[in-house]
Amino acid sequence: MPGLSPRNIKIVLGSRIPVLPVGFIILVCSALPAWGVLIETTWTGGTGNWNVAGNWSPAAVPNNGTDEYNVLIDGGITGTASVVSLDISPTITGFAIDSGDTLGINNATTLTLQSSGTYSNNGTLSLNSLGNQTNLVIGSITGGETLTIGGTGTISLSNNTNNRIYGAAGTNRLVLGSGQTLKGAGQIGVNLLALTNQGTIEATLSNSLTIDPSASV
């Protein structure tokens, strides 16, 4: 794969339709799930925890459910270096991390990225394991999904092998964009993620960075 730093990297490679009573039709329709919307939510600036509604505009903690969330950190707020600490394990449908801003995945938490979203990292996305599994999960269990992280930022892994980037299904694929640098220690793939590396991957710390994709290009 292009852009790999050799230091301490391990690679493992036609029927009739019956007429129903009106009451029955109303009952069935009322049981249908509500349709959700995609909400664009913006970090309001500064340092703080993800799981605080007041840190977001609109004031709700981003975590996909009926509605889905596209997260902006921090939406171009000038003069503010925002540092967001992920203190829960949410699922989102997109993010944009601005230059100078940081989204940190705390020890023992997981951030899941829905493959249908757009992801731009011009700042820092960090995995901060202190010994517990700390995860960035790509796509859903459906499989066969591709997600690209673009921009000119850094994905930084702390000096712990329990930092993990992998797919919710082994047929999901992560495309690391040409402007991205992934560095540190941990596990990429865990044999549960196809990987297309167009950027730079560097083992820069004393613990190992293991690359074990289910497939690669």
N, C-alpha and C. Protein backbone atom coordinates (compact mmCIF):
# COMPACT_ATOMS: atom_id res chain seq x y z
N MET A 1 0.85 -1.19 0.00
CA MET A 1 0.00 0.00 0.00
C MET A 1 0.89 1.24 0.00
N PRO A 2 0.49 2.29 -0.72
CA PRO A 2 1.34 3.47 -0.80
C PRO A 2 1.39 4.17 0.52
N GLY A 3 2.50 4.89 0.76
CA GLY A 3 2.60 5.76 1.90
C GLY A 3 2.79 5.07 3.22
N LEU A 4 3.28 3.83 3.26
CA LEU A 4 3.47 3.12 4.51
C LEU A 4 4.86 3.39 5.06
N SER A 5 4.93 3.80 6.33
CA SER A 5 6.20 3.92 7.00
C SER A 5 6.59 2.57 7.57
N PRO A 6 7.82 2.08 7.31
CA PRO A 6 8.15 0.70 7.66
C PRO A 6 8.36 0.46 9.14
N ARG A 7 8.52 1.49 9.95
CA ARG A 7 8.89 1.29 11.34
C ARG A 7 7.77 0.63 12.13
N ASN A 8 8.03 -0.58 12.63
CA ASN A 8 7.16 -1.25 13.60
C ASN A 8 5.76 -1.52 13.07
N ILE A 9 5.60 -1.68 11.73
CA ILE A 9 4.30 -1.99 11.15
C ILE A 9 4.24 -3.48 10.85
N LYS A 10 3.11 -4.10 11.20
CA LYS A 10 2.87 -5.51 10.90
C LYS A 10 1.72 -5.58 9.90
N ILE A 11 1.87 -6.31 8.78
CA ILE A 11 0.81 -6.45 7.79
C ILE A 11 0.38 -7.90 7.65
N VAL A 12 -0.84 -8.22 7.85
CA VAL A 12 -1.42 -9.57 7.74
C VAL A 12 -2.56 -9.53 6.67
N LEU A 13 -1.73 -10.05 5.87
CA LEU A 13 -2.75 -9.97 4.83
C LEU A 13 -4.14 -10.97 4.63
N GLY A 14 -48.02 -11.52 -9.10
CA GLY A 14 -49.33 -11.57 -9.82
C GLY A 14 -50.52 -12.11 -9.04
N SER A 15 -50.74 -11.69 -7.73
CA SER A 15 -51.87 -12.24 -6.97
C SER A 15 -52.97 -11.20 -6.77
N ARG A 16 -54.11 -11.66 -6.31
CA ARG A 16 -55.24 -10.76 -6.10
C ARG A 16 -55.04 -10.02 -4.78
N ILE A 17 -55.53 -8.75 -4.74
CA ILE A 17 -55.38 -7.92 -3.55
C ILE A 17 -56.70 -7.89 -2.81
N PRO A 18 -56.78 -8.41 -1.59
CA PRO A 18 -58.04 -8.41 -0.86
C PRO A 18 -58.40 -7.00 -0.38
N VAL A 19 -59.67 -6.75 -0.22
CA VAL A 19 -60.14 -5.50 0.34
C VAL A 19 -60.21 -5.66 1.85
N LEU A 20 -59.49 -4.77 2.59
CA LEU A 20 -59.41 -4.88 4.04
C LEU A 20 -60.36 -3.90 4.70
N PRO A 21 -60.86 -4.22 5.86
CA PRO A 21 -61.70 -3.28 6.60
C PRO A 21 -60.93 -2.01 6.93
N VAL A 22 -61.64 -0.88 6.96
CA VAL A 22 -61.00 0.40 7.21
C VAL A 22 -60.27 0.40 8.54
N GLY A 23 -60.85 -0.14 9.58
CA GLY A 23 -60.22 -0.16 10.89
C GLY A 23 -58.90 -0.91 10.88
N PHE A 24 -58.82 -1.97 10.12
CA PHE A 24 -57.57 -2.74 10.01
C PHE A 24 -56.49 -1.91 9.34
N ILE A 25 -56.85 -1.20 8.28
CA ILE A 25 -55.89 -0.37 7.56
C ILE A 25 -55.34 0.72 8.46
N ILE A 26 -56.19 1.35 9.25
CA ILE A 26 -55.73 2.40 10.16
C ILE A 26 -54.78 1.82 11.19
N LEU A 27 -55.06 0.64 11.70
CA LEU A 27 -54.21 0.01 12.70
C LEU A 27 -52.84 -0.28 12.15
N VAL A 28 -52.76 -0.82 10.95
CA VAL A 28 -51.47 -1.14 10.34
C VAL A 28 -50.67 0.12 10.10
N CYS A 29 -51.29 1.15 9.55
CA CYS A 29 -50.57 2.39 9.24
C CYS A 29 -50.03 3.05 10.50
N SER A 30 -50.79 2.98 11.59
CA SER A 30 -50.34 3.62 12.82
C SER A 30 -49.14 2.91 13.41
N ALA A 31 -48.91 1.65 12.99
CA ALA A 31 -47.77 0.89 13.52
C ALA A 31 -46.50 1.12 12.73
N LEU A 32 -46.56 1.85 11.61
CA LEU A 32 -45.37 2.09 10.81
C LEU A 32 -44.41 3.03 11.55
N PRO A 33 -43.08 2.84 11.39
CA PRO A 33 -42.14 3.71 12.08
C PRO A 33 -42.15 5.12 11.50
N ALA A 34 -41.80 6.09 12.35
CA ALA A 34 -41.71 7.48 11.89
C ALA A 34 -40.50 7.65 10.99
N TRP A 35 -40.62 8.52 10.00
CA TRP A 35 -39.51 8.82 9.12
C TRP A 35 -38.59 9.83 9.80
N GLY A 36 -37.26 9.54 9.83
CA GLY A 36 -36.31 10.46 10.42
C GLY A 36 -35.77 11.44 9.39
N VAL A 37 -35.01 12.41 9.88
CA VAL A 37 -34.38 13.40 9.02
C VAL A 37 -32.89 13.45 9.33
N LEU A 38 -32.12 14.01 8.40
CA LEU A 38 -30.69 14.22 8.61
C LEU A 38 -30.50 15.61 9.21
N ILE A 39 -29.96 15.65 10.42
CA ILE A 39 -29.76 16.92 11.13
C ILE A 39 -28.29 17.30 11.07
N GLU A 40 -28.02 18.52 10.62
CA GLU A 40 -26.66 19.05 10.65
C GLU A 40 -26.48 19.80 11.97
N THR A 41 -25.55 19.33 12.78
CA THR A 41 -25.34 19.90 14.10
C THR A 41 -23.92 20.42 14.23
N THR A 42 -23.77 21.57 14.89
CA THR A 42 -22.48 22.26 14.96
C THR A 42 -22.01 22.38 16.40
N TRP A 43 -20.75 21.98 16.65
CA TRP A 43 -20.12 22.21 17.95
C TRP A 43 -20.01 23.71 18.15
N THR A 44 -20.38 24.18 19.34
CA THR A 44 -20.47 25.62 19.56
C THR A 44 -19.15 26.28 19.88
N GLY A 45 -18.07 25.50 19.95
CA GLY A 45 -16.74 26.07 20.13
C GLY A 45 -16.14 25.80 21.49
N GLY A 46 -14.81 25.63 21.52
CA GLY A 46 -14.10 25.42 22.77
C GLY A 46 -13.92 23.95 23.09
N THR A 47 -13.57 23.68 24.36
CA THR A 47 -13.26 22.34 24.84
C THR A 47 -14.42 21.79 25.67
N GLY A 48 -14.79 20.53 25.43
CA GLY A 48 -15.88 19.96 26.22
C GLY A 48 -16.20 18.55 25.79
N ASN A 49 -17.22 17.97 26.43
CA ASN A 49 -17.64 16.60 26.19
C ASN A 49 -18.77 16.53 25.16
N TRP A 50 -18.74 15.50 24.36
CA TRP A 50 -19.76 15.24 23.34
C TRP A 50 -21.15 15.15 23.96
N ASN A 51 -21.26 14.46 25.09
CA ASN A 51 -22.55 14.11 25.67
C ASN A 51 -23.16 15.25 26.50
N VAL A 52 -23.06 16.47 25.99
CA VAL A 52 -23.67 17.65 26.62
C VAL A 52 -24.45 18.38 25.55
N ALA A 53 -25.76 18.37 25.65
CA ALA A 53 -26.60 18.94 24.60
C ALA A 53 -26.27 20.41 24.34
N GLY A 54 -25.93 21.14 25.40
CA GLY A 54 -25.66 22.57 25.25
C GLY A 54 -24.39 22.88 24.48
N ASN A 55 -23.55 21.87 24.22
CA ASN A 55 -22.34 22.10 23.42
C ASN A 55 -22.62 22.05 21.93
N TRP A 56 -23.89 21.80 21.55
CA TRP A 56 -24.24 21.63 20.15
C TRP A 56 -25.35 22.60 19.75
N SER A 57 -25.37 22.95 18.49
CA SER A 57 -26.46 23.75 17.93
C SER A 57 -26.98 23.06 16.67
N PRO A 58 -28.25 22.59 16.67
CA PRO A 58 -29.23 22.67 17.75
C PRO A 58 -28.83 21.85 18.98
N ALA A 59 -29.45 22.16 20.11
CA ALA A 59 -29.06 21.61 21.41
C ALA A 59 -29.58 20.19 21.59
N ALA A 60 -28.86 19.25 21.01
CA ALA A 60 -29.17 17.82 21.17
C ALA A 60 -27.87 17.05 20.97
N VAL A 61 -27.69 15.98 21.72
CA VAL A 61 -26.47 15.16 21.60
C VAL A 61 -26.56 14.33 20.33
N PRO A 62 -25.59 14.44 19.41
CA PRO A 62 -25.65 13.68 18.15
C PRO A 62 -25.46 12.18 18.39
N ASN A 63 -26.47 11.42 17.99
CA ASN A 63 -26.40 9.96 18.07
C ASN A 63 -27.57 9.43 17.25
N ASN A 64 -27.27 8.75 16.15
CA ASN A 64 -28.33 8.31 15.24
C ASN A 64 -29.37 7.45 15.95
N GLY A 65 -30.62 7.76 15.63
CA GLY A 65 -31.75 6.96 16.06
C GLY A 65 -32.80 7.09 14.99
N THR A 66 -33.96 7.66 15.33
CA THR A 66 -34.94 7.98 14.29
C THR A 66 -34.36 9.00 13.33
N ASP A 67 -33.69 10.03 13.89
CA ASP A 67 -32.97 11.02 13.08
C ASP A 67 -31.50 10.62 12.98
N GLU A 68 -30.82 11.15 11.94
CA GLU A 68 -29.39 10.93 11.78
C GLU A 68 -28.67 12.27 11.85
N TYR A 69 -27.37 12.21 12.16
CA TYR A 69 -26.62 13.44 12.44
C TYR A 69 -25.36 13.57 11.58
N ASN A 70 -25.21 14.77 11.00
CA ASN A 70 -23.97 15.18 10.36
C ASN A 70 -23.33 16.22 11.27
N VAL A 71 -22.12 15.94 11.74
CA VAL A 71 -21.50 16.71 12.82
C VAL A 71 -20.43 17.65 12.26
N LEU A 72 -20.51 18.92 12.63
CA LEU A 72 -19.52 19.93 12.22
C LEU A 72 -18.72 20.37 13.43
N ILE A 73 -17.40 20.19 13.37
CA ILE A 73 -16.50 20.62 14.44
C ILE A 73 -15.46 21.55 13.83
N ASP A 74 -15.60 22.86 14.00
CA ASP A 74 -16.70 23.50 14.68
C ASP A 74 -17.47 24.46 13.75
N GLY A 75 -17.60 24.02 12.50
CA GLY A 75 -18.38 24.79 11.55
C GLY A 75 -17.76 26.10 11.15
N GLY A 76 -16.42 26.19 11.21
CA GLY A 76 -15.74 27.40 10.75
C GLY A 76 -15.71 28.53 11.76
N ILE A 77 -15.92 28.23 13.04
CA ILE A 77 -15.82 29.27 14.06
C ILE A 77 -14.37 29.74 14.14
N THR A 78 -14.14 30.99 13.82
CA THR A 78 -12.77 31.49 13.73
C THR A 78 -12.24 31.86 15.11
N GLY A 79 -10.94 31.68 15.29
CA GLY A 79 -10.29 32.07 16.53
C GLY A 79 -10.49 31.09 17.67
N THR A 80 -11.13 29.94 17.42
CA THR A 80 -11.39 28.97 18.48
C THR A 80 -10.82 27.61 18.09
N ALA A 81 -9.93 27.08 18.92
CA ALA A 81 -9.43 25.71 18.73
C ALA A 81 -10.32 24.79 19.54
N SER A 82 -11.21 24.09 18.88
CA SER A 82 -12.18 23.24 19.58
C SER A 82 -11.59 21.85 19.82
N VAL A 83 -11.81 21.33 21.03
CA VAL A 83 -11.39 19.98 21.39
C VAL A 83 -12.60 19.26 21.94
N VAL A 84 -13.09 18.26 21.20
CA VAL A 84 -14.30 17.53 21.57
C VAL A 84 -13.89 16.15 22.09
N SER A 85 -14.32 15.82 23.31
CA SER A 85 -14.02 14.52 23.91
C SER A 85 -15.24 13.62 23.79
N LEU A 86 -15.08 12.49 23.11
CA LEU A 86 -16.18 11.55 22.93
C LEU A 86 -16.32 10.72 24.19
N ASP A 87 -17.33 11.02 25.00
CA ASP A 87 -17.51 10.35 26.29
C ASP A 87 -18.71 9.39 26.28
N ILE A 88 -19.28 9.15 25.09
CA ILE A 88 -20.28 8.09 24.89
C ILE A 88 -19.86 7.34 23.63
N SER A 89 -20.67 6.38 23.19
CA SER A 89 -20.34 5.60 21.99
C SER A 89 -21.45 5.76 20.95
N PRO A 90 -21.44 6.87 20.19
CA PRO A 90 -22.54 7.17 19.27
C PRO A 90 -22.29 6.64 17.87
N THR A 91 -23.34 6.72 17.05
CA THR A 91 -23.27 6.48 15.61
C THR A 91 -23.66 7.77 14.92
N ILE A 92 -22.91 8.16 13.88
CA ILE A 92 -23.23 9.38 13.13
C ILE A 92 -23.16 9.08 11.64
N THR A 93 -23.68 10.01 10.86
CA THR A 93 -23.77 9.83 9.41
C THR A 93 -22.81 10.72 8.65
N GLY A 94 -22.06 11.57 9.33
CA GLY A 94 -21.07 12.40 8.65
C GLY A 94 -20.36 13.29 9.65
N PHE A 95 -19.14 13.72 9.30
CA PHE A 95 -18.48 14.74 10.10
C PHE A 95 -17.59 15.60 9.23
N ALA A 96 -17.34 16.82 9.73
CA ALA A 96 -16.34 17.71 9.14
C ALA A 96 -15.57 18.32 10.30
N ILE A 97 -14.29 17.96 10.41
CA ILE A 97 -13.42 18.48 11.46
C ILE A 97 -12.54 19.55 10.84
N ASP A 98 -12.66 20.78 11.35
CA ASP A 98 -11.92 21.90 10.77
C ASP A 98 -10.45 21.86 11.16
N SER A 99 -9.63 22.56 10.39
CA SER A 99 -8.22 22.73 10.72
C SER A 99 -8.08 23.35 12.10
N GLY A 100 -7.21 22.78 12.92
CA GLY A 100 -6.98 23.28 14.27
C GLY A 100 -7.91 22.70 15.31
N ASP A 101 -8.92 21.93 14.89
CA ASP A 101 -9.88 21.33 15.82
C ASP A 101 -9.62 19.83 15.97
N THR A 102 -10.09 19.27 17.09
CA THR A 102 -9.82 17.87 17.42
C THR A 102 -11.09 17.17 17.90
N LEU A 103 -11.29 15.96 17.39
CA LEU A 103 -12.29 15.05 17.93
C LEU A 103 -11.53 13.87 18.52
N GLY A 104 -11.61 13.70 19.84
CA GLY A 104 -10.89 12.63 20.51
C GLY A 104 -11.84 11.54 20.98
N ILE A 105 -11.55 10.30 20.59
CA ILE A 105 -12.33 9.15 21.04
C ILE A 105 -11.70 8.66 22.34
N ASN A 106 -12.43 8.87 23.44
CA ASN A 106 -11.88 8.55 24.76
C ASN A 106 -11.64 7.05 24.94
N ASN A 107 -10.76 6.73 25.88
CA ASN A 107 -10.51 5.35 26.25
C ASN A 107 -11.82 4.61 26.52
N ALA A 108 -11.96 3.41 25.93
CA ALA A 108 -13.11 2.51 26.14
C ALA A 108 -14.40 3.01 25.52
N THR A 109 -14.33 3.89 24.53
CA THR A 109 -15.52 4.32 23.80
C THR A 109 -15.36 3.97 22.32
N THR A 110 -16.49 4.05 21.59
CA THR A 110 -16.53 3.68 20.18
C THR A 110 -17.29 4.73 19.39
N LEU A 111 -16.73 5.15 18.26
CA LEU A 111 -17.43 6.00 17.31
C LEU A 111 -17.71 5.17 16.07
N THR A 112 -19.01 5.06 15.70
CA THR A 112 -19.41 4.30 14.51
C THR A 112 -19.82 5.28 13.42
N LEU A 113 -19.26 5.09 12.21
CA LEU A 113 -19.51 5.97 11.07
C LEU A 113 -20.38 5.23 10.06
N GLN A 114 -21.58 5.74 9.80
CA GLN A 114 -22.45 5.17 8.78
C GLN A 114 -21.84 5.41 7.40
N SER A 115 -21.83 4.38 6.56
CA SER A 115 -21.12 4.47 5.28
C SER A 115 -21.76 5.43 4.30
N SER A 116 -23.03 5.79 4.51
CA SER A 116 -23.71 6.67 3.57
C SER A 116 -23.26 8.12 3.71
N GLY A 117 -22.47 8.42 4.73
CA GLY A 117 -22.14 9.81 5.02
C GLY A 117 -20.89 10.32 4.32
N THR A 118 -20.63 11.63 4.54
CA THR A 118 -19.44 12.30 4.02
C THR A 118 -18.56 12.68 5.20
N TYR A 119 -17.28 12.37 5.11
CA TYR A 119 -16.36 12.57 6.23
C TYR A 119 -15.15 13.36 5.76
N SER A 120 -14.96 14.54 6.37
CA SER A 120 -13.84 15.41 6.03
C SER A 120 -13.06 15.72 7.29
N ASN A 121 -11.79 15.36 7.29
CA ASN A 121 -10.93 15.60 8.45
C ASN A 121 -9.78 16.52 8.04
N ASN A 122 -9.91 17.79 8.40
CA ASN A 122 -8.82 18.75 8.17
C ASN A 122 -8.11 19.12 9.46
N GLY A 123 -8.51 18.50 10.56
CA GLY A 123 -7.89 18.72 11.86
C GLY A 123 -7.28 17.43 12.37
N THR A 124 -7.74 16.99 13.55
CA THR A 124 -7.22 15.76 14.15
C THR A 124 -8.38 14.90 14.66
N LEU A 125 -8.38 13.65 14.24
CA LEU A 125 -9.26 12.63 14.79
C LEU A 125 -8.36 11.69 15.57
N SER A 126 -8.57 11.58 16.89
CA SER A 126 -7.64 10.79 17.70
C SER A 126 -8.35 9.65 18.41
N LEU A 127 -7.64 8.51 18.53
CA LEU A 127 -8.08 7.37 19.32
C LEU A 127 -7.16 7.30 20.53
N ASN A 128 -7.75 7.36 21.74
CA ASN A 128 -6.95 7.62 22.93
C ASN A 128 -7.03 6.48 23.95
N SER A 129 -6.75 5.25 23.50
CA SER A 129 -6.78 4.12 24.41
C SER A 129 -5.73 4.28 25.51
N LEU A 130 -6.16 3.95 26.74
CA LEU A 130 -5.24 3.87 27.87
C LEU A 130 -5.06 2.43 28.31
N GLY A 131 -5.60 1.50 27.50
CA GLY A 131 -5.52 0.07 27.82
C GLY A 131 -6.78 -0.69 27.47
N ASN A 132 -7.91 0.02 27.40
CA ASN A 132 -9.16 -0.59 26.98
C ASN A 132 -9.35 -0.43 25.48
N GLN A 133 -10.17 -1.31 24.89
CA GLN A 133 -10.44 -1.21 23.47
C GLN A 133 -11.15 0.12 23.17
N THR A 134 -10.58 0.84 22.23
CA THR A 134 -11.07 2.17 21.84
C THR A 134 -11.20 2.13 20.33
N ASN A 135 -12.44 2.32 19.81
CA ASN A 135 -12.74 1.88 18.45
C ASN A 135 -13.27 2.99 17.54
N LEU A 136 -12.86 2.90 16.28
CA LEU A 136 -13.50 3.61 15.18
C LEU A 136 -14.06 2.54 14.26
N VAL A 137 -15.40 2.45 14.17
CA VAL A 137 -16.06 1.38 13.44
C VAL A 137 -16.62 1.94 12.15
N ILE A 138 -16.36 1.23 11.05
CA ILE A 138 -16.72 1.69 9.72
C ILE A 138 -17.95 0.93 9.21
N GLY A 139 -19.03 1.67 8.90
CA GLY A 139 -20.19 1.09 8.26
C GLY A 139 -21.06 0.28 9.20
N SER A 140 -21.96 -0.50 8.59
CA SER A 140 -22.94 -1.27 9.34
C SER A 140 -22.71 -2.77 9.14
N ILE A 141 -23.51 -3.58 9.84
CA ILE A 141 -23.38 -5.03 9.72
C ILE A 141 -23.91 -5.53 8.38
N THR A 142 -24.56 -4.66 7.61
CA THR A 142 -25.05 -5.07 6.28
C THR A 142 -23.91 -5.52 5.39
N GLY A 143 -22.78 -4.79 5.44
CA GLY A 143 -21.60 -5.16 4.67
C GLY A 143 -21.60 -4.61 3.25
N GLY A 144 -20.45 -4.71 2.59
CA GLY A 144 -20.31 -4.24 1.21
C GLY A 144 -20.34 -2.73 1.08
N GLU A 145 -20.03 -2.00 2.14
CA GLU A 145 -20.13 -0.55 2.16
C GLU A 145 -18.74 0.08 2.10
N THR A 146 -18.66 1.26 1.46
CA THR A 146 -17.39 1.98 1.33
C THR A 146 -17.52 3.36 1.94
N LEU A 147 -16.55 3.73 2.75
CA LEU A 147 -16.52 5.04 3.41
C LEU A 147 -15.16 5.67 3.16
N THR A 148 -15.17 6.94 2.78
CA THR A 148 -13.93 7.68 2.52
C THR A 148 -13.75 8.77 3.56
N ILE A 149 -12.56 8.85 4.14
CA ILE A 149 -12.20 9.99 4.99
C ILE A 149 -11.28 10.87 4.17
N GLY A 150 -11.76 12.06 3.80
CA GLY A 150 -10.99 12.99 3.00
C GLY A 150 -10.47 14.14 3.83
N GLY A 151 -9.90 15.13 3.15
CA GLY A 151 -9.32 16.27 3.83
C GLY A 151 -7.82 16.14 3.98
N THR A 152 -7.24 17.04 4.76
CA THR A 152 -5.78 17.11 4.90
C THR A 152 -5.35 16.98 6.36
N GLY A 153 -6.10 16.21 7.13
CA GLY A 153 -5.84 16.12 8.56
C GLY A 153 -5.10 14.86 8.97
N THR A 154 -5.11 14.62 10.28
CA THR A 154 -4.36 13.52 10.89
C THR A 154 -5.31 12.64 11.70
N ILE A 155 -5.12 11.33 11.57
CA ILE A 155 -5.76 10.37 12.45
C ILE A 155 -4.66 9.86 13.38
N SER A 156 -4.77 10.23 14.65
CA SER A 156 -3.68 10.00 15.59
C SER A 156 -4.08 8.96 16.62
N LEU A 157 -3.26 7.93 16.76
CA LEU A 157 -3.52 6.85 17.71
C LEU A 157 -2.51 6.93 18.86
N SER A 158 -3.00 6.84 20.10
CA SER A 158 -2.12 6.87 21.26
C SER A 158 -1.22 5.63 21.27
N ASN A 159 -0.28 5.60 22.20
CA ASN A 159 0.72 4.53 22.23
C ASN A 159 0.17 3.29 22.93
N ASN A 160 -0.92 2.74 22.32
CA ASN A 160 -1.55 1.56 22.91
C ASN A 160 -2.12 0.68 21.81
N THR A 161 -1.88 -0.61 21.87
CA THR A 161 -2.33 -1.50 20.81
C THR A 161 -3.83 -1.78 20.85
N ASN A 162 -4.54 -1.26 21.84
CA ASN A 162 -5.99 -1.43 21.90
C ASN A 162 -6.76 -0.34 21.17
N ASN A 163 -6.06 0.57 20.48
CA ASN A 163 -6.73 1.42 19.50
C ASN A 163 -7.06 0.56 18.29
N ARG A 164 -8.34 0.59 17.84
CA ARG A 164 -8.74 -0.30 16.74
C ARG A 164 -9.61 0.45 15.74
N ILE A 165 -9.30 0.25 14.45
CA ILE A 165 -10.13 0.75 13.36
C ILE A 165 -10.55 -0.47 12.55
N TYR A 166 -11.86 -0.74 12.47
CA TYR A 166 -12.32 -1.95 11.80
C TYR A 166 -13.74 -1.75 11.31
N GLY A 167 -14.22 -2.70 10.51
CA GLY A 167 -15.56 -2.62 9.95
C GLY A 167 -16.58 -3.37 10.79
N ALA A 168 -17.82 -2.86 10.77
CA ALA A 168 -18.91 -3.60 11.41
C ALA A 168 -19.15 -4.92 10.70
N ALA A 169 -18.73 -4.99 9.41
CA ALA A 169 -18.70 -6.24 8.64
C ALA A 169 -17.38 -6.29 7.89
N GLY A 170 -16.86 -7.48 7.67
CA GLY A 170 -15.55 -7.63 7.05
C GLY A 170 -15.50 -7.18 5.60
N THR A 171 -16.67 -7.02 4.95
CA THR A 171 -16.71 -6.57 3.56
C THR A 171 -16.84 -5.05 3.43
N ASN A 172 -16.88 -4.34 4.55
CA ASN A 172 -16.86 -2.88 4.49
C ASN A 172 -15.45 -2.39 4.17
N ARG A 173 -15.37 -1.24 3.50
CA ARG A 173 -14.08 -0.71 3.07
C ARG A 173 -13.88 0.72 3.55
N LEU A 174 -12.69 1.01 4.05
CA LEU A 174 -12.26 2.37 4.37
C LEU A 174 -11.29 2.84 3.30
N VAL A 175 -11.58 4.00 2.72
CA VAL A 175 -10.63 4.66 1.81
C VAL A 175 -10.00 5.80 2.59
N LEU A 176 -8.70 5.70 2.83
CA LEU A 176 -7.95 6.77 3.48
C LEU A 176 -7.49 7.73 2.41
N GLY A 177 -8.05 8.95 2.43
CA GLY A 177 -7.80 9.91 1.37
C GLY A 177 -6.34 10.34 1.25
N SER A 178 -5.99 10.91 0.12
CA SER A 178 -4.60 11.23 -0.19
C SER A 178 -4.00 12.28 0.74
N GLY A 179 -4.84 13.09 1.39
CA GLY A 179 -4.33 14.11 2.29
C GLY A 179 -4.28 13.69 3.74
N GLN A 180 -4.66 12.43 4.03
CA GLN A 180 -4.72 11.96 5.41
C GLN A 180 -3.43 11.28 5.84
N THR A 181 -3.03 11.55 7.09
CA THR A 181 -1.92 10.84 7.72
C THR A 181 -2.45 10.10 8.93
N LEU A 182 -2.27 8.79 8.95
CA LEU A 182 -2.67 7.96 10.09
C LEU A 182 -1.39 7.52 10.78
N LYS A 183 -1.28 7.81 12.07
CA LYS A 183 -0.03 7.49 12.77
C LYS A 183 -0.28 7.10 14.21
N GLY A 184 0.69 6.36 14.76
CA GLY A 184 0.60 5.96 16.16
C GLY A 184 0.69 4.46 16.32
N ALA A 185 -0.02 3.93 17.31
CA ALA A 185 0.01 2.50 17.63
C ALA A 185 -1.41 1.97 17.71
N GLY A 186 -1.57 0.69 17.38
CA GLY A 186 -2.89 0.08 17.45
C GLY A 186 -3.10 -0.94 16.36
N GLN A 187 -4.36 -1.12 15.96
CA GLN A 187 -4.73 -2.14 14.97
C GLN A 187 -5.62 -1.51 13.91
N ILE A 188 -5.26 -1.73 12.65
CA ILE A 188 -6.08 -1.27 11.54
C ILE A 188 -6.59 -2.50 10.79
N GLY A 189 -7.89 -2.65 10.75
CA GLY A 189 -8.48 -3.77 10.02
C GLY A 189 -9.04 -4.84 10.91
N VAL A 190 -8.20 -5.43 11.78
CA VAL A 190 -8.57 -6.53 12.66
C VAL A 190 -9.20 -7.67 11.83
N ASN A 191 -8.78 -7.78 10.56
CA ASN A 191 -9.34 -8.73 9.60
C ASN A 191 -10.85 -8.55 9.41
N LEU A 192 -11.32 -7.34 9.68
CA LEU A 192 -12.75 -7.02 9.56
C LEU A 192 -12.95 -5.73 8.77
N LEU A 193 -12.01 -5.40 7.88
CA LEU A 193 -12.12 -4.15 7.13
C LEU A 193 -11.23 -4.22 5.90
N ALA A 194 -11.81 -3.95 4.72
CA ALA A 194 -11.00 -3.77 3.53
C ALA A 194 -10.43 -2.36 3.57
N LEU A 195 -9.21 -2.19 3.07
CA LEU A 195 -8.52 -0.91 3.19
C LEU A 195 -7.94 -0.48 1.85
N THR A 196 -8.27 0.76 1.46
CA THR A 196 -7.60 1.41 0.34
C THR A 196 -6.85 2.61 0.90
N ASN A 197 -5.53 2.53 0.88
CA ASN A 197 -4.70 3.59 1.44
C ASN A 197 -4.17 4.48 0.33
N GLN A 198 -4.69 5.70 0.26
CA GLN A 198 -4.18 6.70 -0.67
C GLN A 198 -3.35 7.76 0.04
N GLY A 199 -3.25 7.64 1.35
CA GLY A 199 -2.53 8.62 2.15
C GLY A 199 -1.24 8.07 2.71
N THR A 200 -0.98 8.39 3.98
CA THR A 200 0.24 7.97 4.65
C THR A 200 -0.11 7.28 5.95
N ILE A 201 0.50 6.11 6.18
CA ILE A 201 0.33 5.39 7.43
C ILE A 201 1.72 5.24 8.06
N GLU A 202 1.85 5.69 9.32
CA GLU A 202 3.15 5.70 9.96
C GLU A 202 3.07 5.08 11.35
N ALA A 203 4.00 4.19 11.65
CA ALA A 203 4.17 3.69 13.02
C ALA A 203 5.21 4.57 13.69
N THR A 204 4.75 5.47 14.55
CA THR A 204 5.64 6.50 15.09
C THR A 204 5.92 6.34 16.58
N LEU A 205 5.34 5.31 17.21
CA LEU A 205 5.48 5.17 18.65
C LEU A 205 6.12 3.83 19.00
N SER A 206 6.41 3.60 20.29
CA SER A 206 7.14 2.40 20.68
C SER A 206 6.32 1.13 20.53
N ASN A 207 5.01 1.20 20.74
CA ASN A 207 4.16 0.04 20.51
C ASN A 207 3.85 -0.10 19.03
N SER A 208 3.43 -1.30 18.62
CA SER A 208 3.29 -1.60 17.20
C SER A 208 1.99 -1.06 16.62
N LEU A 209 2.02 -0.86 15.32
CA LEU A 209 0.83 -0.55 14.52
C LEU A 209 0.64 -1.72 13.58
N THR A 210 -0.42 -2.50 13.81
CA THR A 210 -0.67 -3.72 13.04
C THR A 210 -1.73 -3.44 11.98
N ILE A 211 -1.40 -3.75 10.71
CA ILE A 211 -2.35 -3.59 9.62
C ILE A 211 -2.77 -4.98 9.19
N ASP A 212 -4.04 -5.30 9.41
CA ASP A 212 -4.57 -6.63 9.15
C ASP A 212 -5.91 -6.50 8.45
N PRO A 213 -5.91 -6.09 7.16
CA PRO A 213 -7.18 -5.90 6.46
C PRO A 213 -7.77 -7.21 5.96
N SER A 214 -9.09 -7.19 5.76
CA SER A 214 -9.74 -8.34 5.13
C SER A 214 -9.47 -8.36 3.63
N ALA A 215 -9.17 -7.19 3.06
CA ALA A 215 -8.77 -7.03 1.67
C ALA A 215 -8.14 -5.66 1.53
N SER A 216 -7.31 -5.48 0.50
CA SER A 216 -6.67 -4.18 0.32
C SER A 216 -6.46 -3.92 -1.16
N VAL A 217 -6.27 -2.63 -1.48
CA VAL A 217 -5.95 -2.22 -2.85
C VAL A 217 -4.75 -1.31 -2.78
